[in-house]
Amino acid sequence: MDLATQALKFPENEFSPGDKPRLRASVRFPIALPLHLVAETKQYDAVTDNISASGILFHLDELLPPGTEVEFLIEIPEGTIGAQQTAAVHCTGRIVRSYLESSKAFAAAVIDEYSFQ
């Protein structure tokens, strides 16, 4: 099953009759990838939970407050997106939402700029 099909089956895209569907600017892809992040001169290692064209949800060991400017590198292992080579995406953005769940810190960041490495 390809990533687009998986995203359409992801529970956050489901709704019951009578519910208003949540409108998304872009499709979210549920994928766990290593993420190296810098925020306020401190470095963090994190793992992605989902990625879209405009943002990313990830978890890490420490809660980052909304408004924090971040710079991060997403490592894409060989075969993850079809290419038979590794890739990396360098991004800058800011935290727009963060929360704790099951002793994990989660953060959602909007991607302002990106470039492939």
Protein backbone atom coordinates (compact mmCIF):
# COMPACT_ATOMS: atom_id res chain seq x y z
CA MET A 1 0.00 0.00 0.00
CA ASP A 2 1.48 3.39 -0.96
CA LEU A 3 1.75 6.38 1.44
CA ALA A 4 -1.19 8.27 -0.10
CA THR A 5 -3.49 5.27 0.43
CA GLN A 6 -2.23 4.88 4.00
CA ALA A 7 -2.90 8.56 4.72
CA LEU A 8 -6.48 8.27 3.50
CA LYS A 9 -7.03 5.32 5.86
CA PHE A 10 -5.43 7.10 8.83
CA PRO A 11 -7.99 7.50 11.70
CA GLU A 12 -7.72 11.30 11.84
CA ASN A 13 -9.27 11.43 8.35
CA GLU A 14 -12.36 9.46 9.42
CA PHE A 15 -15.59 10.97 10.69
CA SER A 16 -19.05 9.80 11.68
CA PRO A 17 -22.31 10.81 9.99
CA GLY A 18 -23.31 14.24 11.24
CA ASP A 19 -19.71 15.19 12.11
CA LYS A 20 -18.07 17.98 10.18
CA PRO A 21 -14.88 16.72 8.55
CA ARG A 22 -11.69 18.51 9.55
CA LEU A 23 -10.37 20.40 6.56
CA ARG A 24 -6.65 20.03 5.96
CA ALA A 25 -4.51 22.19 3.73
CA SER A 26 -2.63 19.06 2.63
CA VAL A 27 -2.63 15.30 3.16
CA ARG A 28 -0.76 13.99 6.19
CA PHE A 29 1.44 10.94 5.75
CA PRO A 30 1.88 8.78 8.87
CA ILE A 31 5.59 7.97 8.77
CA ALA A 32 8.28 7.58 11.44
CA LEU A 33 11.60 9.12 10.38
CA PRO A 34 14.61 10.33 12.38
CA LEU A 35 14.59 14.09 12.93
CA HIS A 36 17.48 16.28 14.13
CA LEU A 37 16.18 19.58 15.49
CA VAL A 38 17.70 22.83 16.75
CA ALA A 39 15.60 25.21 18.85
CA GLU A 40 17.02 28.19 20.73
CA THR A 41 20.63 26.89 20.28
CA LYS A 42 19.77 23.49 21.82
CA GLN A 43 19.87 20.26 19.76
CA TYR A 44 17.25 17.52 20.00
CA ASP A 45 16.74 14.09 18.46
CA ALA A 46 13.13 13.35 17.59
CA VAL A 47 10.98 11.02 15.48
CA THR A 48 8.27 12.12 13.06
CA ASP A 49 4.68 10.93 13.54
CA ASN A 50 3.27 12.44 10.38
CA ILE A 51 4.37 14.81 7.66
CA SER A 52 2.49 17.02 5.21
CA ALA A 53 3.58 19.57 2.63
CA SER A 54 3.07 22.37 5.15
CA GLY A 55 3.95 20.85 8.51
CA ILE A 56 5.14 18.02 10.69
CA LEU A 57 4.14 16.31 13.94
CA PHE A 58 6.97 14.74 15.92
CA HIS A 59 7.78 13.46 19.39
CA LEU A 60 10.83 14.10 21.53
CA ASP A 61 11.95 14.09 25.18
CA GLU A 62 11.19 17.72 26.00
CA LEU A 63 8.14 19.94 25.46
CA LEU A 64 8.78 22.87 23.10
CA PRO A 65 6.43 25.85 23.54
CA PRO A 66 4.36 27.24 20.65
CA GLY A 67 6.13 30.10 18.89
CA THR A 68 9.57 28.50 19.18
CA GLU A 69 11.53 28.87 15.95
CA VAL A 70 13.04 25.56 14.81
CA GLU A 71 15.46 24.28 12.22
CA PHE A 72 15.46 20.57 11.47
CA LEU A 73 16.80 17.87 9.20
CA ILE A 74 14.57 14.93 8.24
CA GLU A 75 16.52 11.83 7.22
CA ILE A 76 14.79 9.68 4.60
CA PRO A 77 16.24 6.14 4.48
CA GLU A 78 16.71 4.26 1.21
CA GLY A 79 13.45 2.87 -0.19
CA THR A 80 11.15 4.92 2.08
CA ILE A 81 9.69 7.06 -0.70
CA GLY A 82 10.50 4.84 -3.61
CA ALA A 83 14.00 6.07 -4.36
CA GLN A 84 16.78 3.57 -3.94
CA GLN A 85 18.97 6.15 -2.23
CA THR A 86 18.95 8.08 1.01
CA ALA A 87 17.81 11.69 1.13
CA ALA A 88 17.47 14.50 3.64
CA VAL A 89 15.25 17.56 3.86
CA HIS A 90 16.45 20.67 5.68
CA CYS A 91 13.56 22.76 7.04
CA THR A 92 12.95 25.92 9.02
CA GLY A 93 9.69 26.68 10.76
CA ARG A 94 8.03 27.25 14.11
CA ILE A 95 6.14 25.27 16.71
CA VAL A 96 2.39 25.90 16.50
CA ARG A 97 1.15 23.28 18.99
CA SER A 98 2.69 21.06 21.68
CA TYR A 99 1.36 18.62 24.26
CA LEU A 100 2.26 15.70 26.52
CA GLU A 101 0.78 12.25 25.97
CA SER A 102 1.83 8.98 27.64
CA SER A 103 5.02 10.62 28.99
CA LYS A 104 6.05 11.71 25.48
CA ALA A 105 6.32 15.32 24.36
CA PHE A 106 4.72 16.05 20.97
CA ALA A 107 5.14 19.15 18.85
CA ALA A 108 3.54 20.28 15.60
CA ALA A 109 5.57 22.66 13.46
CA VAL A 110 4.68 24.60 10.37
CA ILE A 111 7.33 24.37 7.65
CA ASP A 112 8.22 27.85 6.39
CA GLU A 113 11.10 26.85 4.09
CA TYR A 114 12.70 23.60 2.98
CA SER A 115 15.46 22.31 0.73
CA PHE A 116 16.54 18.82 -0.27
CA GLN A 117 20.09 17.85 0.69
